[in-house]
């Protein structure tokens, strides 16, 4: 039968050790003090002590055993705490600076590490994170104008030992160094440069100077980048500066338009100049070649002239007269009967015949197809009449 089975039987197998001392069939929880005492007795026996006895001497031995058990338990807890505090973990993004008795000992890399409890102190520093610090202030430029500059600095820890030991507050040191570098560079530049195209150069100069300051301080920080977010004149004169800025933009636009016009006109002028040079060179070559040809022709003609001067002279005369009279509207006829030369004004006859034909064409619109034949016939008749008159006149003069 189970010890906790209900019934009126006496059960001496009560695990709480109540035995028959409990009244009746009471199955309630044991007394807490009594359970704690029994547990301490068992722990004392495990540690080599004696278990508690009933009576006076037994009570004294139980108290001593309980005190020893408490000490043993405290020792176990202390030992566990020491073991727990002896190991620590360094993350991949961190470096651990170990101080032994307050003096620098080593810098630990990522992994599970050991330290001497109560002797070593560990400071973990994140070295891969890029941090951001901002700076803003109003300062004087080289030309004694006020300007407000907003600056952003991106940095990271480059040396964990210097970051922990050399500077008490690295962030404050960075802020002071940033302000100093910014004021130095702004004080060395003009207002126009800070507000316009000099902002990029300002950021580069501040970054270099700030890095030099941090290196001199030994702060263990490395500047990644410096960004000049905004540069503005004082609030009271911002409208005037905007007008100046718009005037500069107009000036730049006009310069670009002038440059565009220049890029269009100058190549055209150069092309025309080159064309004129090439035409002049071609004309020069033409003249030179023509002169060479004339010289060669003259030399050949000289050789022929030396062989038969009279024939060559007459031929040259006829060629020269042919060239001269080819562009003339006059017609000259040489007569073999005498020295008189008969002149026929064919140009005038042609113009008069053309005028008469035009008048007839205007008056008789349908006779246009016969105009050419009538003009030719009338011109022939006029020429024949003129020749007869000239011949009769010459014959009378001869008699």
Protein backbone atom coordinates (compact mmCIF):
# COMPACT_ATOMS: atom_id res chain seq x y z
CA UNK A 1 0.00 0.00 0.00
CA UNK A 2 1.38 3.47 -0.92
CA UNK A 3 2.50 5.71 1.87
CA UNK A 4 0.12 8.46 0.87
CA UNK A 5 -2.84 6.17 0.29
CA UNK A 6 -5.81 7.28 2.31
CA UNK A 7 -6.98 5.05 5.05
CA UNK A 8 -6.80 4.51 8.72
CA UNK A 9 -3.62 2.34 8.64
CA UNK A 10 -0.48 3.63 10.24
CA UNK A 11 2.14 4.46 7.64
CA UNK A 12 5.78 4.80 8.70
CA UNK A 13 7.05 5.46 5.16
CA UNK A 14 6.33 9.16 5.20
CA UNK A 15 9.24 10.73 3.25
CA UNK A 16 9.01 13.84 5.37
CA UNK A 17 9.96 11.79 8.36
CA UNK A 18 6.85 12.61 10.35
CA UNK A 19 6.21 8.96 11.19
CA UNK A 20 3.57 8.45 13.73
CA UNK A 21 4.19 11.84 15.22
CA UNK A 22 1.64 13.38 12.89
CA UNK A 23 -1.83 13.46 14.13
CA UNK A 24 -4.16 11.00 12.56
CA UNK A 25 -4.04 10.82 8.73
CA UNK A 26 -2.87 14.42 8.07
CA UNK A 27 -1.10 14.40 4.62
CA UNK A 28 -0.29 18.15 4.47
CA UNK A 29 3.12 19.63 3.51
CA UNK A 30 6.01 19.20 5.98
CA UNK A 31 7.29 21.99 8.18
CA UNK A 32 9.69 24.28 6.20
CA UNK A 33 12.15 24.70 9.06
CA UNK A 34 12.34 20.99 9.56
CA UNK A 35 12.91 20.33 5.84
CA UNK A 36 15.69 22.95 5.71
CA UNK A 37 17.34 21.45 8.77
CA UNK A 38 17.33 17.98 7.25
CA UNK A 39 18.79 19.31 4.02
CA UNK A 40 21.60 21.01 5.92
CA UNK A 41 22.27 17.81 7.84
CA UNK A 42 22.64 15.85 4.65
CA UNK A 43 24.96 18.51 3.18
CA UNK A 44 27.03 18.43 6.40
CA UNK A 45 27.38 14.67 6.14
CA UNK A 46 28.52 15.00 2.54
CA UNK A 47 31.18 17.48 3.64
CA UNK A 48 32.43 15.20 6.45
CA UNK A 49 30.44 16.57 9.41
CA UNK A 50 27.97 14.83 11.68
CA UNK A 51 24.29 14.82 11.37
CA UNK A 52 22.07 16.67 13.85
CA UNK A 53 20.81 14.77 17.00
CA UNK A 54 17.91 15.32 19.27
CA UNK A 55 18.70 16.91 22.56
CA UNK A 56 20.94 19.73 23.63
CA UNK A 57 24.27 18.48 22.27
CA UNK A 58 22.61 17.49 19.02
CA UNK A 59 21.26 20.98 18.57
CA UNK A 60 24.73 22.50 18.98
CA UNK A 61 26.27 20.11 16.47
CA UNK A 62 23.47 20.82 13.99
CA UNK A 63 24.05 24.56 14.22
CA UNK A 64 27.79 24.15 13.58
CA UNK A 65 27.10 21.84 10.67
CA UNK A 66 24.61 24.29 9.19
CA UNK A 67 27.12 27.14 9.39
CA UNK A 68 29.75 25.04 7.63
CA UNK A 69 27.27 24.16 4.90
CA UNK A 70 26.48 27.82 4.37
CA UNK A 71 30.17 28.59 4.07
CA UNK A 72 30.61 25.76 1.60
CA UNK A 73 27.66 26.98 -0.45
CA UNK A 74 29.06 30.52 -0.41
CA UNK A 75 32.44 29.19 -1.53
CA UNK A 76 30.80 27.34 -4.40
CA UNK A 77 28.96 30.48 -5.47
CA UNK A 78 32.13 32.57 -5.25
CA UNK A 79 34.07 30.00 -7.26
CA UNK A 80 31.34 29.95 -9.91
CA UNK A 81 31.29 33.71 -10.09
CA UNK A 82 35.09 33.81 -10.47
CA UNK A 83 34.98 31.24 -13.25
CA UNK A 84 32.14 33.14 -14.93
CA UNK A 85 34.07 36.42 -14.74
CA UNK A 86 37.27 34.87 -16.08
CA UNK A 87 36.00 34.49 -19.66
CA UNK A 88 34.55 37.05 -22.04
CA UNK A 89 33.75 37.29 -25.75
CA UNK A 90 35.01 39.90 -28.22
CA UNK A 91 32.72 40.53 -31.20
CA UNK A 92 33.93 40.77 -34.80
CA UNK A 93 33.32 44.52 -34.82
CA UNK A 94 35.18 45.09 -31.56
CA UNK A 95 38.63 45.15 -30.05
CA UNK A 96 39.19 44.62 -26.30
CA UNK A 97 41.72 46.74 -24.38
CA UNK A 98 42.91 44.85 -21.28
CA UNK A 99 44.25 46.77 -18.25
CA UNK A 100 46.05 44.85 -15.52
CA UNK A 101 46.24 46.70 -12.21
CA UNK A 102 45.17 49.81 -14.17
CA UNK A 103 48.08 49.59 -16.62
CA UNK A 104 47.77 48.71 -20.30
CA UNK A 105 48.39 45.02 -20.84
CA UNK A 106 47.21 43.99 -24.33
CA UNK A 107 44.62 44.47 -27.06
CA UNK A 108 42.57 41.38 -27.79
CA UNK A 109 41.12 40.44 -31.17
CA UNK A 110 37.67 38.86 -31.72
CA UNK A 111 37.02 35.52 -30.01
CA UNK A 112 36.65 33.92 -26.57
CA UNK A 113 39.22 35.43 -24.20
CA UNK A 114 40.43 34.91 -20.61
CA UNK A 115 41.11 37.52 -17.96
CA UNK A 116 42.20 37.43 -14.34
CA UNK A 117 39.18 38.39 -12.22
CA UNK A 118 39.46 41.41 -9.95
CA UNK A 119 42.86 42.16 -11.53
CA UNK A 120 42.18 42.70 -15.22
CA UNK A 121 39.64 45.18 -16.54
CA UNK A 122 38.43 45.00 -20.14
CA UNK A 123 37.13 47.87 -22.31
CA UNK A 124 35.50 46.88 -25.59
CA UNK A 125 35.64 49.35 -28.47
CA UNK A 126 33.82 49.12 -31.81
CA UNK A 127 36.39 49.80 -34.53
CA UNK A 128 34.42 49.07 -37.71
CA UNK A 129 31.47 51.42 -37.21
CA UNK A 130 31.55 54.72 -39.11
CA UNK A 131 30.34 57.37 -36.69
CA UNK A 132 29.02 60.85 -37.43
CA UNK A 133 29.64 64.15 -35.69
CA UNK A 134 28.11 67.48 -36.67
CA UNK A 135 29.46 70.98 -36.21
CA UNK A 136 27.84 74.33 -36.89
CA UNK A 137 28.85 77.87 -36.14
CA UNK A 138 29.13 81.45 -37.29
CA UNK A 139 32.63 82.66 -38.08
CA UNK A 140 34.61 85.38 -39.84
CA UNK A 141 36.14 85.01 -43.28
CA UNK A 142 39.36 86.53 -44.55
CA UNK A 143 37.55 89.59 -45.92
CA UNK A 144 35.87 90.14 -42.51
CA UNK A 145 32.40 88.86 -43.39
CA UNK A 146 30.23 86.62 -41.26
CA UNK A 147 29.18 83.23 -42.58
CA UNK A 148 27.35 80.29 -41.03
CA UNK A 149 28.80 76.86 -41.87
CA UNK A 150 27.19 73.48 -41.16
CA UNK A 151 29.67 70.61 -41.21
CA UNK A 152 29.39 66.83 -40.89
CA UNK A 153 32.36 64.62 -39.99
CA UNK A 154 32.38 60.86 -40.57
CA UNK A 155 35.02 59.01 -38.57
CA UNK A 156 35.91 55.66 -37.03
CA UNK A 157 38.22 54.27 -34.35
CA UNK A 158 41.61 53.38 -35.84
CA UNK A 159 43.50 52.54 -32.61
CA UNK A 160 41.54 51.09 -29.70
CA UNK A 161 44.39 51.60 -27.20
CA UNK A 162 44.77 55.32 -27.97
CA UNK A 163 41.00 55.75 -28.01
CA UNK A 164 40.69 54.29 -24.46
CA UNK A 165 43.83 55.60 -22.77
CA UNK A 166 45.10 58.82 -24.41
CA UNK A 167 41.98 60.99 -24.35
CA UNK A 168 39.42 61.11 -21.57
CA UNK A 169 36.52 62.00 -23.91
CA UNK A 170 37.31 61.31 -27.57
CA UNK A 171 34.01 62.68 -28.84
CA UNK A 172 34.56 66.01 -27.11
CA UNK A 173 38.14 66.14 -28.38
CA UNK A 174 36.86 65.52 -31.89
CA UNK A 175 34.30 68.32 -31.57
CA UNK A 176 36.97 70.78 -30.37
CA UNK A 177 39.39 69.76 -33.14
CA UNK A 178 36.66 70.05 -35.79
CA UNK A 179 35.69 73.52 -34.66
CA UNK A 180 39.32 74.64 -34.63
CA UNK A 181 40.07 73.26 -38.11
CA UNK A 182 36.88 74.73 -39.57
CA UNK A 183 37.49 78.22 -38.17
CA UNK A 184 41.09 78.17 -39.37
CA UNK A 185 40.12 77.27 -42.95
CA UNK A 186 37.15 79.65 -43.12
CA UNK A 187 39.31 82.45 -41.73
CA UNK A 188 41.79 81.83 -44.57
CA UNK A 189 39.18 82.05 -47.36
CA UNK A 190 36.99 84.80 -48.77
CA UNK A 191 33.23 84.92 -48.44
CA UNK A 192 32.62 84.33 -52.15
CA UNK A 193 34.80 81.22 -52.11
CA UNK A 194 33.03 79.80 -49.05
CA UNK A 195 29.56 80.43 -50.49
CA UNK A 196 30.20 79.26 -54.07
CA UNK A 197 32.79 77.11 -55.77
CA UNK A 198 35.19 76.97 -52.81
CA UNK A 199 33.02 74.66 -50.68
CA UNK A 200 34.60 71.47 -52.05
CA UNK A 201 38.11 72.79 -51.42
CA UNK A 202 37.02 73.91 -47.94
CA UNK A 203 35.86 70.38 -47.07
CA UNK A 204 39.14 68.85 -48.27
CA UNK A 205 41.26 71.32 -46.31
CA UNK A 206 39.21 70.83 -43.13
CA UNK A 207 39.55 67.05 -43.44
CA UNK A 208 43.33 67.22 -43.77
CA UNK A 209 43.77 69.68 -40.91
CA UNK A 210 41.37 67.75 -38.63
CA UNK A 211 43.24 64.49 -39.27
CA UNK A 212 46.52 66.18 -38.35
CA UNK A 213 45.00 67.48 -35.10
CA UNK A 214 43.69 64.04 -34.14
CA UNK A 215 47.05 62.48 -34.90
CA UNK A 216 48.79 65.02 -32.68
CA UNK A 217 46.30 64.38 -29.89
CA UNK A 218 46.73 60.62 -30.20
CA UNK A 219 42.96 60.21 -30.05
CA UNK A 220 42.95 56.95 -32.01
CA UNK A 221 40.38 58.31 -34.49
CA UNK A 222 40.52 58.37 -38.28
CA UNK A 223 38.53 60.84 -40.37
CA UNK A 224 36.69 59.09 -43.19
CA UNK A 225 35.06 62.10 -44.83
CA UNK A 226 34.09 65.71 -44.18
CA UNK A 227 30.95 67.13 -45.81
CA UNK A 228 30.14 70.84 -45.89
CA UNK A 229 26.35 70.64 -45.80
CA UNK A 230 25.56 74.35 -46.11
CA UNK A 231 27.19 77.77 -46.08
CA UNK A 232 24.94 80.77 -45.59
CA UNK A 233 25.41 84.46 -44.93
CA UNK A 234 23.76 86.06 -41.88
CA UNK A 235 19.98 86.21 -41.91
CA UNK A 236 19.89 90.01 -42.20
CA UNK A 237 21.75 90.08 -45.53
CA UNK A 238 20.55 86.88 -47.16
CA UNK A 239 18.33 88.73 -49.68
CA UNK A 240 21.24 90.84 -50.87
CA UNK A 241 23.41 87.77 -51.22
CA UNK A 242 20.70 86.03 -53.24
CA UNK A 243 20.66 88.98 -55.61
CA UNK A 244 24.43 88.76 -55.93
CA UNK A 245 24.15 85.05 -56.57
CA UNK A 246 21.59 85.59 -59.32
CA UNK A 247 23.84 88.23 -60.88
CA UNK A 248 26.70 85.72 -60.88
CA UNK A 249 24.48 83.14 -62.52
CA UNK A 250 23.51 85.63 -65.22
CA UNK A 251 27.17 86.46 -65.71
CA UNK A 252 28.02 82.79 -66.05
CA UNK A 253 25.16 82.29 -68.50
CA UNK A 254 26.32 85.19 -70.66
CA UNK A 255 29.85 83.85 -70.61
CA UNK A 256 28.62 80.47 -71.76
CA UNK A 257 26.58 82.06 -74.55
CA UNK A 258 29.58 84.11 -75.65
CA UNK A 259 31.73 81.00 -75.57
CA UNK A 260 29.15 79.17 -77.68
CA UNK A 261 29.11 82.01 -80.22
CA UNK A 262 32.90 82.03 -80.23
CA UNK A 263 33.02 78.30 -80.83
CA UNK A 264 30.68 78.80 -83.77
CA UNK A 265 32.30 81.85 -85.40
CA UNK A 266 35.97 81.07 -84.91
CA UNK A 267 35.91 77.71 -86.75
CA UNK A 268 33.99 79.30 -89.62
CA UNK A 269 36.52 82.13 -89.84
CA UNK A 270 39.36 79.65 -89.72
CA UNK A 271 37.71 77.63 -92.46
CA UNK A 272 37.28 80.70 -94.66
CA UNK A 273 40.87 81.75 -94.03
CA UNK A 274 42.06 78.27 -94.93
CA UNK A 275 39.93 78.32 -98.08
CA UNK A 276 41.40 81.68 -99.11
CA UNK A 277 44.90 80.40 -98.46
CA UNK A 278 44.25 77.33 -100.58
CA UNK A 279 42.71 79.45 -103.37
CA UNK A 280 45.73 81.74 -103.28
CA UNK A 281 48.03 78.76 -103.44
CA UNK A 282 46.04 77.37 -106.37
CA UNK A 283 46.15 80.74 -108.15
CA UNK A 284 49.87 80.95 -107.54
CA UNK A 285 50.38 77.49 -108.95
CA UNK A 286 48.15 78.39 -111.92
CA UNK A 287 50.08 81.58 -112.70
CA UNK A 288 53.41 79.87 -112.32
CA UNK A 289 52.38 77.00 -114.55
CA UNK A 290 50.90 79.37 -117.10
CA UNK A 291 54.09 81.41 -117.12
CA UNK A 292 56.13 78.27 -117.55
CA UNK A 293 53.86 77.24 -120.41
CA UNK A 294 54.10 80.65 -122.06
CA UNK A 295 57.85 80.57 -121.69
CA UNK A 296 58.04 77.14 -123.26
CA UNK A 297 55.72 78.22 -126.09
CA UNK A 298 57.77 81.35 -126.69
CA UNK A 299 60.97 79.38 -126.89
CA UNK A 300 59.40 76.96 -129.37
CA UNK A 301 58.02 79.88 -131.39
CA UNK A 302 61.44 81.56 -131.37
CA UNK A 303 62.99 78.51 -132.90
CA UNK A 304 60.35 78.49 -135.64
CA UNK A 305 60.72 82.26 -136.17
CA UNK A 306 64.45 81.93 -136.66
CA UNK A 307 63.77 79.41 -139.41
CA UNK A 308 61.12 81.45 -141.35
CA UNK A 309 60.64 84.94 -139.92
CA UNK A 310 58.22 86.34 -142.53
CA UNK A 311 55.68 83.53 -142.36
CA UNK A 312 55.86 83.38 -138.63
CA UNK A 313 55.39 87.15 -138.30
CA UNK A 314 52.26 87.14 -140.49
CA UNK A 315 50.85 84.19 -138.62
CA UNK A 316 51.43 85.85 -135.29
CA UNK A 317 49.78 89.03 -136.57
CA UNK A 318 46.70 87.20 -137.75
CA UNK A 319 46.38 85.28 -134.49
CA UNK A 320 46.72 88.47 -132.46
CA UNK A 321 44.08 90.28 -134.54
CA UNK A 322 41.78 87.29 -134.28
CA UNK A 323 42.05 87.30 -130.52
CA UNK A 324 41.51 91.04 -130.30
CA UNK A 325 38.59 91.29 -132.71
CA UNK A 326 36.84 88.17 -131.43
CA UNK A 327 35.19 90.15 -128.61
CA UNK A 328 34.33 93.19 -130.74
CA UNK A 329 30.90 93.91 -132.27
CA UNK A 330 32.47 95.60 -135.31
CA UNK A 331 32.76 93.87 -138.69
CA UNK A 332 35.66 94.99 -140.97
CA UNK A 333 35.87 93.94 -144.62
CA UNK A 334 39.09 94.48 -146.57
CA UNK A 335 38.68 95.21 -150.30
CA UNK A 336 41.28 94.13 -152.81
CA UNK A 337 40.35 96.86 -155.37
CA UNK A 338 41.79 99.70 -153.34
CA UNK A 339 42.83 101.05 -150.02
CA UNK A 340 39.30 101.85 -148.94
CA UNK A 341 37.73 99.66 -146.32
CA UNK A 342 34.01 99.04 -146.35
CA UNK A 343 32.30 99.07 -142.99
CA UNK A 344 28.94 97.41 -142.43
CA UNK A 345 27.24 98.29 -139.12
CA UNK A 346 25.71 94.87 -138.69
CA UNK A 347 25.26 95.38 -134.95
CA UNK A 348 23.07 98.42 -135.48
CA UNK A 349 21.18 96.72 -138.27
CA UNK A 350 20.60 93.75 -136.01
CA UNK A 351 19.34 95.89 -133.12
CA UNK A 352 16.99 97.89 -135.39
CA UNK A 353 15.63 94.73 -136.97
CA UNK A 354 15.09 93.20 -133.51
CA UNK A 355 13.21 96.34 -132.36
CA UNK A 356 10.97 96.34 -135.44
CA UNK A 357 10.25 92.65 -135.02
CA UNK A 358 9.35 93.18 -131.38
CA UNK A 359 6.91 95.93 -132.32
CA UNK A 360 5.31 93.72 -134.90
CA UNK A 361 5.04 90.88 -132.46
CA UNK A 362 3.17 93.07 -130.01
CA UNK A 363 0.72 94.29 -132.67
CA UNK A 364 0.19 90.92 -134.39
CA UNK A 365 0.13 88.26 -131.74
CA UNK A 366 -0.54 85.35 -134.12
CA UNK A 367 2.39 85.99 -136.47
CA UNK A 368 5.07 84.95 -133.97
CA UNK A 369 6.07 81.85 -135.93
CA UNK A 370 7.07 83.94 -138.99
CA UNK A 371 9.14 86.52 -137.08
CA UNK A 372 12.53 84.83 -137.54
CA UNK A 373 12.15 84.49 -141.28
CA UNK A 374 10.91 88.11 -141.72
CA UNK A 375 13.81 89.48 -139.63
CA UNK A 376 16.40 87.52 -141.61
CA UNK A 377 14.89 88.57 -144.93
CA UNK A 378 14.77 92.25 -143.98
CA UNK A 379 18.34 92.14 -142.72
CA UNK A 380 19.51 90.55 -145.98
CA UNK A 381 17.71 93.18 -148.01
CA UNK A 382 19.31 96.00 -146.03
CA UNK A 383 22.79 94.49 -146.44
CA UNK A 384 22.34 94.10 -150.23
CA UNK A 385 21.12 97.65 -150.59
CA UNK A 386 24.04 98.96 -148.58
CA UNK A 387 26.52 96.98 -150.73
CA UNK A 388 25.06 98.27 -153.98
CA UNK A 389 25.21 101.83 -152.76
CA UNK A 390 28.82 101.46 -151.67
CA UNK A 391 29.84 99.87 -154.99
CA UNK A 392 28.17 102.59 -157.06
CA UNK A 393 29.84 105.25 -154.97
CA UNK A 394 33.27 103.65 -155.38
CA UNK A 395 32.83 103.34 -159.15
CA UNK A 396 31.99 107.04 -159.51
CA UNK A 397 34.95 108.02 -157.42
CA UNK A 398 37.21 105.86 -159.62
CA UNK A 399 36.17 107.60 -162.83
